[in-house]
């Protein structure tokens, strides 16, 4: 079973391609809105992902490992699909998640709160 549903995977890939094509005057890529929220049901880890490079199955987004310091970065979806919490439960998709802000806003709020609150 795939970790990310195909329709959301395609949106992540579209965002990745858009980032490669549209850089602003200062050299910054677009500030995409998160497409998907992943979490560990038996741990305190959460990811808000905005982009996916399908060639290497690596996504970009905001990661929160439950340690009080959320960070932006890249993550291998292959590694996430193998990740288990302390009860052995697999990563899940938050099917009710709908982004309300661009990723930079989630990152700012998460840094202030010490965790992702989405």
PDB file of N, CA and C in Angstrom:
ATOM      1  N   UNK A   1       0.834  -1.189   0.000  1.00  0.00           N
ATOM      2  CA  UNK A   1       0.000   0.000   0.000  1.00  0.00           C
ATOM      3  C   UNK A   1       0.877   1.251   0.000  1.00  0.00           C
ATOM      4  N   UNK A   2       0.523   2.200  -0.846  1.00  0.00           N
ATOM      5  CA  UNK A   2       1.263   3.459  -0.925  1.00  0.00           C
ATOM      6  C   UNK A   2       0.931   4.339   0.276  1.00  0.00           C
ATOM      7  N   UNK A   3       1.928   5.044   0.755  1.00  0.00           N
ATOM      8  CA  UNK A   3       1.744   5.946   1.886  1.00  0.00           C
ATOM      9  C   UNK A   3       0.855   7.128   1.519  1.00  0.00           C
ATOM     10  N   UNK A   4       1.048   7.663   0.320  1.00  0.00           N
ATOM     11  CA  UNK A   4       0.322   8.864  -0.110  1.00  0.00           C
ATOM     12  C   UNK A   4      -0.629   8.500  -1.247  1.00  0.00           C
ATOM     13  N   UNK A   5      -1.908   8.871  -1.117  1.00  0.00           N
ATOM     14  CA  UNK A   5      -2.862   8.602  -2.203  1.00  0.00           C
ATOM     15  C   UNK A   5      -2.408   9.261  -3.511  1.00  0.00           C
ATOM     16  N   UNK A   6      -2.723   8.625  -4.622  1.00  0.00           N
ATOM     17  CA  UNK A   6      -2.239   9.060  -5.936  1.00  0.00           C
ATOM     18  C   UNK A   6      -2.618  10.512  -6.254  1.00  0.00           C
ATOM     19  N   UNK A   7      -3.838  10.930  -5.935  1.00  0.00           N
ATOM     20  CA  UNK A   7      -4.246  12.302  -6.247  1.00  0.00           C
ATOM     21  C   UNK A   7      -3.394  13.331  -5.498  1.00  0.00           C
ATOM     22  N   UNK A   8      -3.038  13.033  -4.260  1.00  0.00           N
ATOM     23  CA  UNK A   8      -2.195  13.953  -3.488  1.00  0.00           C
ATOM     24  C   UNK A   8      -0.742  13.860  -3.940  1.00  0.00           C
ATOM     25  N   UNK A   9      -0.322  12.679  -4.309  1.00  0.00           N
ATOM     26  CA  UNK A   9       1.037  12.495  -4.842  1.00  0.00           C
ATOM     27  C   UNK A   9       1.239  13.362  -6.091  1.00  0.00           C
ATOM     28  N   UNK A  10       0.247  13.371  -6.967  1.00  0.00           N
ATOM     29  CA  UNK A  10       0.334  14.185  -8.183  1.00  0.00           C
ATOM     30  C   UNK A  10       0.408  15.671  -7.861  1.00  0.00           C
ATOM     31  N   UNK A  11      -0.338  16.124  -6.869  1.00  0.00           N
ATOM     32  CA  UNK A  11      -0.269  17.539  -6.455  1.00  0.00           C
ATOM     33  C   UNK A  11       1.103  17.883  -5.894  1.00  0.00           C
ATOM     34  N   UNK A  12       1.683  16.975  -5.110  1.00  0.00           N
ATOM     35  CA  UNK A  12       3.021  17.197  -4.566  1.00  0.00           C
ATOM     36  C   UNK A  12       4.059  17.309  -5.689  1.00  0.00           C
ATOM     37  N   UNK A  13       3.919  16.447  -6.690  1.00  0.00           N
ATOM     38  CA  UNK A  13       4.844  16.470  -7.833  1.00  0.00           C
ATOM     39  C   UNK A  13       4.672  17.760  -8.630  1.00  0.00           C
ATOM     40  N   UNK A  14       3.434  18.197  -8.828  1.00  0.00           N
ATOM     41  CA  UNK A  14       3.180  19.465  -9.533  1.00  0.00           C
ATOM     42  C   UNK A  14       3.846  20.625  -8.804  1.00  0.00           C
ATOM     43  N   UNK A  15       3.733  20.649  -7.475  1.00  0.00           N
ATOM     44  CA  UNK A  15       4.371  21.715  -6.697  1.00  0.00           C
ATOM     45  C   UNK A  15       5.883  21.688  -6.857  1.00  0.00           C
ATOM     46  N   UNK A  16       6.448  20.496  -6.868  1.00  0.00           N
ATOM     47  CA  UNK A  16       7.895  20.366  -7.033  1.00  0.00           C
ATOM     48  C   UNK A  16       8.342  20.930  -8.380  1.00  0.00           C
ATOM     49  N   UNK A  17       7.611  20.598  -9.409  1.00  0.00           N
ATOM     50  CA  UNK A  17       7.956  21.116 -10.744  1.00  0.00           C
ATOM     51  C   UNK A  17       7.780  22.626 -10.810  1.00  0.00           C
ATOM     52  N   UNK A  18       6.733  23.139 -10.190  1.00  0.00           N
ATOM     53  CA  UNK A  18       6.501  24.588 -10.166  1.00  0.00           C
ATOM     54  C   UNK A  18       7.639  25.302  -9.443  1.00  0.00           C
ATOM     55  N   UNK A  19       8.141  24.692  -8.380  1.00  0.00           N
ATOM     56  CA  UNK A  19       9.245  25.301  -7.629  1.00  0.00           C
ATOM     57  C   UNK A  19      10.505  25.392  -8.470  1.00  0.00           C
ATOM     58  N   UNK A  20      10.720  24.416  -9.318  1.00  0.00           N
ATOM     59  CA  UNK A  20      11.901  24.427 -10.180  1.00  0.00           C
ATOM     60  C   UNK A  20      11.781  25.475 -11.279  1.00  0.00           C
ATOM     61  N   UNK A  21      10.555  25.792 -11.665  1.00  0.00           N
ATOM     62  CA  UNK A  21      10.332  26.698 -12.792  1.00  0.00           C
ATOM     63  C   UNK A  21      10.101  28.146 -12.400  1.00  0.00           C
ATOM     64  N   UNK A  22       9.594  28.390 -11.196  1.00  0.00           N
ATOM     65  CA  UNK A  22       9.257  29.775 -10.861  1.00  0.00           C
ATOM     66  C   UNK A  22       9.973  30.216  -9.584  1.00  0.00           C
ATOM     67  N   UNK A  23      11.045  30.922  -9.783  1.00  0.00           N
ATOM     68  CA  UNK A  23      11.843  31.490  -8.700  1.00  0.00           C
ATOM     69  C   UNK A  23      11.647  33.007  -8.744  1.00  0.00           C
ATOM     70  N   UNK A  24      11.445  33.610  -7.570  1.00  0.00           N
ATOM     71  CA  UNK A  24      11.226  35.061  -7.569  1.00  0.00           C
ATOM     72  C   UNK A  24      12.548  35.821  -7.738  1.00  0.00           C
ATOM     73  N   UNK A  25      12.473  37.141  -7.715  1.00  0.00           N
ATOM     74  CA  UNK A  25      13.654  37.986  -7.936  1.00  0.00           C
ATOM     75  C   UNK A  25      14.767  37.722  -6.927  1.00  0.00           C
ATOM     76  N   UNK A  26      14.387  37.307  -5.732  1.00  0.00           N
ATOM     77  CA  UNK A  26      15.379  37.059  -4.681  1.00  0.00           C
ATOM     78  C   UNK A  26      15.898  35.625  -4.688  1.00  0.00           C
ATOM     79  N   UNK A  27      15.437  34.815  -5.659  1.00  0.00           N
ATOM     80  CA  UNK A  27      15.892  33.440  -5.755  1.00  0.00           C
ATOM     81  C   UNK A  27      15.112  32.456  -4.912  1.00  0.00           C
ATOM     82  N   UNK A  28      13.944  32.885  -4.439  1.00  0.00           N
ATOM     83  CA  UNK A  28      13.128  32.016  -3.585  1.00  0.00           C
ATOM     84  C   UNK A  28      12.086  31.258  -4.402  1.00  0.00           C
ATOM     85  N   UNK A  29      11.880  29.983  -4.082  1.00  0.00           N
ATOM     86  CA  UNK A  29      10.823  29.215  -4.751  1.00  0.00           C
ATOM     87  C   UNK A  29       9.457  29.634  -4.213  1.00  0.00           C
ATOM     88  N   UNK A  30       8.370  29.193  -4.840  1.00  0.00           N
ATOM     89  CA  UNK A  30       7.030  29.518  -4.339  1.00  0.00           C
ATOM     90  C   UNK A  30       6.812  28.980  -2.925  1.00  0.00           C
ATOM     91  N   UNK A  31       5.962  29.659  -2.187  1.00  0.00           N
ATOM     92  CA  UNK A  31       5.604  29.242  -0.827  1.00  0.00           C
ATOM     93  C   UNK A  31       4.308  28.425  -0.931  1.00  0.00           C
ATOM     94  N   UNK A  32       4.444  27.145  -1.214  1.00  0.00           N
ATOM     95  CA  UNK A  32       3.277  26.287  -1.418  1.00  0.00           C
ATOM     96  C   UNK A  32       2.507  26.047  -0.132  1.00  0.00           C
ATOM     97  N   UNK A  33       1.233  25.754  -0.303  1.00  0.00           N
ATOM     98  CA  UNK A  33       0.406  25.336   0.816  1.00  0.00           C
ATOM     99  C   UNK A  33       0.596  23.832   0.998  1.00  0.00           C
ATOM    100  N   UNK A  34       0.624  23.337   2.229  1.00  0.00           N
ATOM    101  CA  UNK A  34       0.770  21.897   2.437  1.00  0.00           C
ATOM    102  C   UNK A  34      -0.330  21.119   1.712  1.00  0.00           C
ATOM    103  N   UNK A  35       0.058  20.008   1.128  1.00  0.00           N
ATOM    104  CA  UNK A  35      -0.858  19.147   0.392  1.00  0.00           C
ATOM    105  C   UNK A  35      -1.365  18.028   1.286  1.00  0.00           C
ATOM    106  N   UNK A  36      -0.521  17.564   2.199  1.00  0.00           N
ATOM    107  CA  UNK A  36      -0.854  16.404   3.011  1.00  0.00           C
ATOM    108  C   UNK A  36      -0.228  16.524   4.395  1.00  0.00           C
ATOM    109  N   UNK A  37      -0.930  15.958   5.369  1.00  0.00           N
ATOM    110  CA  UNK A  37      -0.410  15.860   6.730  1.00  0.00           C
ATOM    111  C   UNK A  37      -0.276  14.376   7.056  1.00  0.00           C
ATOM    112  N   UNK A  38       0.937  13.985   7.449  1.00  0.00           N
ATOM    113  CA  UNK A  38       1.208  12.620   7.882  1.00  0.00           C
ATOM    114  C   UNK A  38       1.538  12.650   9.364  1.00  0.00           C
ATOM    115  N   UNK A  39       1.209  11.580  10.072  1.00  0.00           N
ATOM    116  CA  UNK A  39       1.522  11.523  11.494  1.00  0.00           C
ATOM    117  C   UNK A  39       1.689  10.078  11.955  1.00  0.00           C
ATOM    118  N   UNK A  40       2.366   9.930  13.068  1.00  0.00           N
ATOM    119  CA  UNK A  40       2.492   8.635  13.701  1.00  0.00           C
ATOM    120  C   UNK A  40       1.434   8.568  14.797  1.00  0.00           C
ATOM    121  N   UNK A  41       0.501   7.609  14.732  1.00  0.00           N
ATOM    122  CA  UNK A  41      -0.572   7.549  15.728  1.00  0.00           C
ATOM    123  C   UNK A  41      -0.095   7.161  17.119  1.00  0.00           C
ATOM    124  N   UNK A  42       1.077   6.547  17.223  1.00  0.00           N
ATOM    125  CA  UNK A  42       1.578   6.120  18.528  1.00  0.00           C
ATOM    126  C   UNK A  42       2.915   6.784  18.879  1.00  0.00           C
ATOM    127  N   UNK A  43       3.135   7.932  18.300  1.00  0.00           N
ATOM    128  CA  UNK A  43       4.317   8.742  18.622  1.00  0.00           C
ATOM    129  C   UNK A  43       3.904  10.199  18.408  1.00  0.00           C
ATOM    130  N   UNK A  44       4.815  11.097  18.565  1.00  0.00           N
ATOM    131  CA  UNK A  44       4.464  12.517  18.459  1.00  0.00           C
ATOM    132  C   UNK A  44       5.046  13.157  17.216  1.00  0.00           C
ATOM    133  N   UNK A  45       5.149  12.428  16.125  1.00  0.00           N
ATOM    134  CA  UNK A  45       5.759  12.962  14.909  1.00  0.00           C
ATOM    135  C   UNK A  45       4.693  13.342  13.889  1.00  0.00           C
ATOM    136  N   UNK A  46       4.919  14.481  13.227  1.00  0.00           N
ATOM    137  CA  UNK A  46       3.981  15.005  12.228  1.00  0.00           C
ATOM    138  C   UNK A  46       4.778  15.632  11.090  1.00  0.00           C
ATOM    139  N   UNK A  47       4.257  15.477   9.883  1.00  0.00           N
ATOM    140  CA  UNK A  47       4.851  16.103   8.701  1.00  0.00           C
ATOM    141  C   UNK A  47       3.764  16.806   7.909  1.00  0.00           C
ATOM    142  N   UNK A  48       4.044  18.019   7.449  1.00  0.00           N
ATOM    143  CA  UNK A  48       3.210  18.730   6.486  1.00  0.00           C
ATOM    144  C   UNK A  48       4.043  18.831   5.217  1.00  0.00           C
ATOM    145  N   UNK A  49       3.612  18.157   4.163  1.00  0.00           N
ATOM    146  CA  UNK A  49       4.408  18.088   2.948  1.00  0.00           C
ATOM    147  C   UNK A  49       3.824  18.949   1.841  1.00  0.00           C
ATOM    148  N   UNK A  50       4.727  19.594   1.083  1.00  0.00           N
ATOM    149  CA  UNK A  50       4.302  20.473  -0.004  1.00  0.00           C
ATOM    150  C   UNK A  50       4.784  20.017  -1.374  1.00  0.00           C
ATOM    151  N   UNK A  51       5.879  19.252  -1.426  1.00  0.00           N
ATOM    152  CA  UNK A  51       6.481  18.896  -2.711  1.00  0.00           C
ATOM    153  C   UNK A  51       7.016  17.470  -2.671  1.00  0.00           C
ATOM    154  N   UNK A  52       7.143  16.879  -3.864  1.00  0.00           N
ATOM    155  CA  UNK A  52       7.704  15.536  -3.983  1.00  0.00           C
ATOM    156  C   UNK A  52       8.505  15.410  -5.268  1.00  0.00           C
ATOM    157  N   UNK A  53       9.742  14.962  -5.143  1.00  0.00           N
ATOM    158  CA  UNK A  53      10.560  14.634  -6.306  1.00  0.00           C
ATOM    159  C   UNK A  53      10.321  13.149  -6.586  1.00  0.00           C
ATOM    160  N   UNK A  54       9.599  12.824  -7.663  1.00  0.00           N
ATOM    161  CA  UNK A  54       9.260  11.424  -7.917  1.00  0.00           C
ATOM    162  C   UNK A  54      10.455  10.572  -8.332  1.00  0.00           C
ATOM    163  N   UNK A  55      11.528  11.206  -8.784  1.00  0.00           N
ATOM    164  CA  UNK A  55      12.708  10.452  -9.211  1.00  0.00           C
ATOM    165  C   UNK A  55      13.397   9.749  -8.045  1.00  0.00           C
ATOM    166  N   UNK A  56      13.362  10.386  -6.877  1.00  0.00           N
ATOM    167  CA  UNK A  56      14.030   9.797  -5.708  1.00  0.00           C
ATOM    168  C   UNK A  56      13.069   9.571  -4.539  1.00  0.00           C
ATOM    169  N   UNK A  57      11.779   9.898  -4.740  1.00  0.00           N
ATOM    170  CA  UNK A  57      10.747   9.711  -3.719  1.00  0.00           C
ATOM    171  C   UNK A  57      11.070  10.469  -2.431  1.00  0.00           C
ATOM    172  N   UNK A  58      11.562  11.692  -2.604  1.00  0.00           N
ATOM    173  CA  UNK A  58      11.901  12.556  -1.479  1.00  0.00           C
ATOM    174  C   UNK A  58      10.965  13.763  -1.494  1.00  0.00           C
ATOM    175  N   UNK A  59      10.388  14.040  -0.337  1.00  0.00           N
ATOM    176  CA  UNK A  59       9.426  15.135  -0.198  1.00  0.00           C
ATOM    177  C   UNK A  59      10.045  16.288   0.586  1.00  0.00           C
ATOM    178  N   UNK A  60       9.447  17.467   0.420  1.00  0.00           N
ATOM    179  CA  UNK A  60       9.852  18.652   1.175  1.00  0.00           C
ATOM    180  C   UNK A  60       8.674  19.101   2.014  1.00  0.00           C
ATOM    181  N   UNK A  61       8.970  19.561   3.226  1.00  0.00           N
ATOM    182  CA  UNK A  61       7.910  20.085   4.071  1.00  0.00           C
ATOM    183  C   UNK A  61       8.404  20.419   5.461  1.00  0.00           C
ATOM    184  N   UNK A  62       7.458  20.493   6.369  1.00  0.00           N
ATOM    185  CA  UNK A  62       7.712  20.827   7.766  1.00  0.00           C
ATOM    186  C   UNK A  62       7.611  19.551   8.585  1.00  0.00           C
ATOM    187  N   UNK A  63       8.649  19.266   9.356  1.00  0.00           N
ATOM    188  CA  UNK A  63       8.688  18.059  10.179  1.00  0.00           C
ATOM    189  C   UNK A  63       8.693  18.427  11.653  1.00  0.00           C
ATOM    190  N   UNK A  64       7.955  17.657  12.430  1.00  0.00           N
ATOM    191  CA  UNK A  64       7.902  17.831  13.876  1.00  0.00           C
ATOM    192  C   UNK A  64       8.059  16.444  14.496  1.00  0.00           C
ATOM    193  N   UNK A  65       9.182  16.222  15.158  1.00  0.00           N
ATOM    194  CA  UNK A  65       9.464  14.921  15.762  1.00  0.00           C
ATOM    195  C   UNK A  65       9.036  14.850  17.220  1.00  0.00           C
ATOM    196  N   UNK A  66       8.297  15.865  17.667  1.00  0.00           N
ATOM    197  CA  UNK A  66       7.826  15.878  19.048  1.00  0.00           C
ATOM    198  C   UNK A  66       8.890  16.282  20.049  1.00  0.00           C
ATOM    199  N   UNK A  67       9.925  16.960  19.579  1.00  0.00           N
ATOM    200  CA  UNK A  67      11.033  17.348  20.449  1.00  0.00           C
ATOM    201  C   UNK A  67      11.066  18.852  20.729  1.00  0.00           C
ATOM    202  N   UNK A  68      10.055  19.570  20.245  1.00  0.00           N
ATOM    203  CA  UNK A  68       9.966  20.999  20.504  1.00  0.00           C
ATOM    204  C   UNK A  68      10.670  21.897  19.513  1.00  0.00           C
ATOM    205  N   UNK A  69      11.148  21.334  18.394  1.00  0.00           N
ATOM    206  CA  UNK A  69      11.843  22.174  17.413  1.00  0.00           C
ATOM    207  C   UNK A  69      11.497  21.734  15.985  1.00  0.00           C
ATOM    208  N   UNK A  70      10.292  22.075  15.521  1.00  0.00           N
ATOM    209  CA  UNK A  70       9.897  21.748  14.145  1.00  0.00           C
ATOM    210  C   UNK A  70      10.854  22.389  13.144  1.00  0.00           C
ATOM    211  N   UNK A  71      11.072  21.704  12.014  1.00  0.00           N
ATOM    212  CA  UNK A  71      12.016  22.234  11.037  1.00  0.00           C
ATOM    213  C   UNK A  71      11.576  21.918   9.621  1.00  0.00           C
ATOM    214  N   UNK A  72      11.979  22.800   8.702  1.00  0.00           N
ATOM    215  CA  UNK A  72      11.755  22.587   7.281  1.00  0.00           C
ATOM    216  C   UNK A  72      12.865  21.701   6.738  1.00  0.00           C
ATOM    217  N   UNK A  73      12.508  20.815   5.813  1.00  0.00           N
ATOM    218  CA  UNK A  73      13.542  19.980   5.224  1.00  0.00           C
ATOM    219  C   UNK A  73      12.977  18.900   4.332  1.00  0.00           C
ATOM    220  N   UNK A  74      13.844  17.998   3.942  1.00  0.00           N
ATOM    221  CA  UNK A  74      13.512  16.919   3.022  1.00  0.00           C
ATOM    222  C   UNK A  74      13.416  15.610   3.784  1.00  0.00           C
ATOM    223  N   UNK A  75      12.543  14.725   3.297  1.00  0.00           N
ATOM    224  CA  UNK A  75      12.365  13.424   3.929  1.00  0.00           C
ATOM    225  C   UNK A  75      12.093  12.371   2.862  1.00  0.00           C
ATOM    226  N   UNK A  76      12.665  11.215   3.045  1.00  0.00           N
ATOM    227  CA  UNK A  76      12.444  10.096   2.144  1.00  0.00           C
ATOM    228  C   UNK A  76      11.095   9.445   2.469  1.00  0.00           C
ATOM    229  N   UNK A  77      10.223   9.361   1.476  1.00  0.00           N
ATOM    230  CA  UNK A  77       8.939   8.690   1.702  1.00  0.00           C
ATOM    231  C   UNK A  77       9.127   7.197   1.916  1.00  0.00           C
ATOM    232  N   UNK A  78      10.191   6.641   1.348  1.00  0.00           N
ATOM    233  CA  UNK A  78      10.483   5.227   1.590  1.00  0.00           C
ATOM    234  C   UNK A  78      10.779   5.002   3.073  1.00  0.00           C
ATOM    235  N   UNK A  79      11.545   5.902   3.677  1.00  0.00           N
ATOM    236  CA  UNK A  79      11.844   5.787   5.106  1.00  0.00           C
ATOM    237  C   UNK A  79      10.595   6.017   5.949  1.00  0.00           C
ATOM    238  N   UNK A  80       9.786   7.012   5.578  1.00  0.00           N
ATOM    239  CA  UNK A  80       8.562   7.266   6.333  1.00  0.00           C
ATOM    240  C   UNK A  80       7.608   6.073   6.294  1.00  0.00           C
ATOM    241  N   UNK A  81       7.537   5.406   5.168  1.00  0.00           N
ATOM    242  CA  UNK A  81       6.624   4.269   5.050  1.00  0.00           C
ATOM    243  C   UNK A  81       7.049   3.104   5.943  1.00  0.00           C
ATOM    244  N   UNK A  82       8.332   3.057   6.317  1.00  0.00           N
ATOM    245  CA  UNK A  82       8.825   1.998   7.208  1.00  0.00           C
ATOM    246  C   UNK A  82       8.813   2.412   8.678  1.00  0.00           C
ATOM    247  N   UNK A  83       8.608   3.692   8.941  1.00  0.00           N
ATOM    248  CA  UNK A  83       8.654   4.212  10.300  1.00  0.00           C
ATOM    249  C   UNK A  83       7.504   3.667  11.140  1.00  0.00           C
ATOM    250  N   UNK A  84       7.793   3.296  12.367  1.00  0.00           N
ATOM    251  CA  UNK A  84       6.784   2.808  13.310  1.00  0.00           C
ATOM    252  C   UNK A  84       6.982   3.503  14.645  1.00  0.00           C
ATOM    253  N   UNK A  85       5.875   3.733  15.338  1.00  0.00           N
ATOM    254  CA  UNK A  85       5.932   4.290  16.675  1.00  0.00           C
ATOM    255  C   UNK A  85       6.206   3.196  17.691  1.00  0.00           C
ATOM    256  N   UNK A  86       6.110   3.536  18.972  1.00  0.00           N
ATOM    257  CA  UNK A  86       6.457   2.580  20.028  1.00  0.00           C
ATOM    258  C   UNK A  86       5.484   1.398  20.121  1.00  0.00           C
ATOM    259  N   UNK A  87       4.299   1.508  19.541  1.00  0.00           N
ATOM    260  CA  UNK A  87       3.347   0.390  19.513  1.00  0.00           C
ATOM    261  C   UNK A  87       3.396  -0.371  18.189  1.00  0.00           C
ATOM    262  N   UNK A  88       4.284   0.059  17.295  1.00  0.00           N
ATOM    263  CA  UNK A  88       4.436  -0.614  16.015  1.00  0.00           C
ATOM    264  C   UNK A  88       3.453  -0.182  14.944  1.00  0.00           C
ATOM    265  N   UNK A  89       2.721   0.908  15.180  1.00  0.00           N
ATOM    266  CA  UNK A  89       1.744   1.387  14.212  1.00  0.00           C
ATOM    267  C   UNK A  89       2.420   2.172  13.087  1.00  0.00           C
ATOM    268  N   UNK A  90       1.902   2.004  11.887  1.00  0.00           N
ATOM    269  CA  UNK A  90       2.455   2.669  10.713  1.00  0.00           C
ATOM    270  C   UNK A  90       2.002   4.121  10.621  1.00  0.00           C
ATOM    271  N   UNK A  91       2.729   4.877   9.811  1.00  0.00           N
ATOM    272  CA  UNK A  91       2.402   6.264   9.496  1.00  0.00           C
ATOM    273  C   UNK A  91       0.993   6.332   8.913  1.00  0.00           C
ATOM    274  N   UNK A  92       0.271   7.408   9.222  1.00  0.00           N
ATOM    275  CA  UNK A  92      -1.080   7.596   8.697  1.00  0.00           C
ATOM    276  C   UNK A  92      -1.209   8.955   8.032  1.00  0.00           C
ATOM    277  N   UNK A  93      -2.175   9.047   7.134  1.00  0.00           N
ATOM    278  CA  UNK A  93      -2.549  10.299   6.492  1.00  0.00           C
ATOM    279  C   UNK A  93      -3.714  10.882   7.276  1.00  0.00           C
ATOM    280  N   UNK A  94      -3.634  12.162   7.612  1.00  0.00           N
ATOM    281  CA  UNK A  94      -4.755  12.849   8.254  1.00  0.00           C
ATOM    282  C   UNK A  94      -5.744  13.226   7.158  1.00  0.00           C
ATOM    283  N   UNK A  95      -6.766  12.406   6.974  1.00  0.00           N
ATOM    284  CA  UNK A  95      -7.716  12.595   5.871  1.00  0.00           C
ATOM    285  C   UNK A  95      -8.566  13.848   6.034  1.00  0.00           C
ATOM    286  N   UNK A  96      -8.641  14.403   7.214  1.00  0.00           N
ATOM    287  CA  UNK A  96      -9.416  15.617   7.442  1.00  0.00           C
ATOM    288  C   UNK A  96      -8.619  16.900   7.308  1.00  0.00           C
ATOM    289  N   UNK A  97      -7.326  16.778   7.034  1.00  0.00           N
ATOM    290  CA  UNK A  97      -6.481  17.970   6.950  1.00  0.00           C
ATOM    291  C   UNK A  97      -6.736  18.741   5.668  1.00  0.00           C
ATOM    292  N   UNK A  98      -6.930  20.040   5.818  1.00  0.00           N
ATOM    293  CA  UNK A  98      -6.985  20.971   4.686  1.00  0.00           C
ATOM    294  C   UNK A  98      -6.175  22.187   5.081  1.00  0.00           C
ATOM    295  N   UNK A  99      -5.170  22.482   4.303  1.00  0.00           N
ATOM    296  CA  UNK A  99      -4.290  23.609   4.611  1.00  0.00           C
ATOM    297  C   UNK A  99      -5.068  24.921   4.611  1.00  0.00           C
ATOM    298  N   UNK A 100      -4.709  25.777   5.555  1.00  0.00           N
ATOM    299  CA  UNK A 100      -5.316  27.103   5.657  1.00  0.00           C
ATOM    300  C   UNK A 100      -4.312  28.210   5.376  1.00  0.00           C
ATOM    301  N   UNK A 101      -3.026  27.828   5.295  1.00  0.00           N
ATOM    302  CA  UNK A 101      -1.954  28.811   5.143  1.00  0.00           C
ATOM    303  C   UNK A 101      -0.841  28.227   4.274  1.00  0.00           C
ATOM    304  N   UNK A 102       0.039  29.077   3.757  1.00  0.00           N
ATOM    305  CA  UNK A 102       1.234  28.564   3.087  1.00  0.00           C
ATOM    306  C   UNK A 102       2.182  27.943   4.122  1.00  0.00           C
ATOM    307  N   UNK A 103       3.109  27.135   3.646  1.00  0.00           N
ATOM    308  CA  UNK A 103       4.016  26.408   4.539  1.00  0.00           C
ATOM    309  C   UNK A 103       4.809  27.342   5.449  1.00  0.00           C
ATOM    310  N   UNK A 104       5.216  28.498   4.941  1.00  0.00           N
ATOM    311  CA  UNK A 104       6.005  29.415   5.773  1.00  0.00           C
ATOM    312  C   UNK A 104       5.236  29.846   7.015  1.00  0.00           C
ATOM    313  N   UNK A 105       3.921  30.014   6.899  1.00  0.00           N
ATOM    314  CA  UNK A 105       3.110  30.385   8.068  1.00  0.00           C
ATOM    315  C   UNK A 105       3.047  29.231   9.069  1.00  0.00           C
ATOM    316  N   UNK A 106       2.849  28.014   8.570  1.00  0.00           N
ATOM    317  CA  UNK A 106       2.846  26.853   9.469  1.00  0.00           C
ATOM    318  C   UNK A 106       4.195  26.721  10.177  1.00  0.00           C
ATOM    319  N   UNK A 107       5.287  26.960   9.448  1.00  0.00           N
ATOM    320  CA  UNK A 107       6.620  26.860  10.045  1.00  0.00           C
ATOM    321  C   UNK A 107       6.801  27.906  11.143  1.00  0.00           C
ATOM    322  N   UNK A 108       6.390  29.135  10.857  1.00  0.00           N
ATOM    323  CA  UNK A 108       6.514  30.203  11.858  1.00  0.00           C
ATOM    324  C   UNK A 108       5.694  29.876  13.103  1.00  0.00           C
ATOM    325  N   UNK A 109       4.446  29.459  12.905  1.00  0.00           N
ATOM    326  CA  UNK A 109       3.579  29.140  14.048  1.00  0.00           C
ATOM    327  C   UNK A 109       4.106  27.933  14.827  1.00  0.00           C
ATOM    328  N   UNK A 110       4.638  26.947  14.109  1.00  0.00           N
ATOM    329  CA  UNK A 110       5.161  25.754  14.773  1.00  0.00           C
ATOM    330  C   UNK A 110       6.398  26.087  15.607  1.00  0.00           C
ATOM    331  N   UNK A 111       7.236  26.951  15.076  1.00  0.00           N
ATOM    332  CA  UNK A 111       8.424  27.349  15.848  1.00  0.00           C
ATOM    333  C   UNK A 111       8.026  28.091  17.113  1.00  0.00           C
ATOM    334  N   UNK A 112       7.002  28.935  17.013  1.00  0.00           N
ATOM    335  CA  UNK A 112       6.538  29.675  18.192  1.00  0.00           C
ATOM    336  C   UNK A 112       5.913  28.746  19.223  1.00  0.00           C
ATOM    337  N   UNK A 113       5.140  27.767  18.754  1.00  0.00           N
ATOM    338  CA  UNK A 113       4.450  26.840  19.659  1.00  0.00           C
ATOM    339  C   UNK A 113       5.321  25.670  20.083  1.00  0.00           C
ATOM    340  N   UNK A 114       6.418  25.408  19.361  1.00  0.00           N
ATOM    341  CA  UNK A 114       7.258  24.268  19.651  1.00  0.00           C
ATOM    342  C   UNK A 114       6.724  22.957  19.082  1.00  0.00           C
ATOM    343  N   UNK A 115       5.690  23.070  18.239  1.00  0.00           N
ATOM    344  CA  UNK A 115       5.109  21.895  17.598  1.00  0.00           C
ATOM    345  C   UNK A 115       4.157  22.323  16.496  1.00  0.00           C
ATOM    346  N   UNK A 116       3.870  21.419  15.573  1.00  0.00           N
ATOM    347  CA  UNK A 116       2.897  21.695  14.512  1.00  0.00           C
ATOM    348  C   UNK A 116       1.504  21.634  15.140  1.00  0.00           C
ATOM    349  N   UNK A 117       0.737  22.677  14.924  1.00  0.00           N
ATOM    350  CA  UNK A 117      -0.640  22.720  15.433  1.00  0.00           C
ATOM    351  C   UNK A 117      -1.604  22.802  14.281  1.00  0.00           C
ATOM    352  N   UNK A 118      -1.610  21.807  13.429  1.00  0.00           N
ATOM    353  CA  UNK A 118      -2.508  21.800  12.260  1.00  0.00           C
ATOM    354  C   UNK A 118      -3.392  20.573  12.313  1.00  0.00           C
TER     355      UNK A 118
END
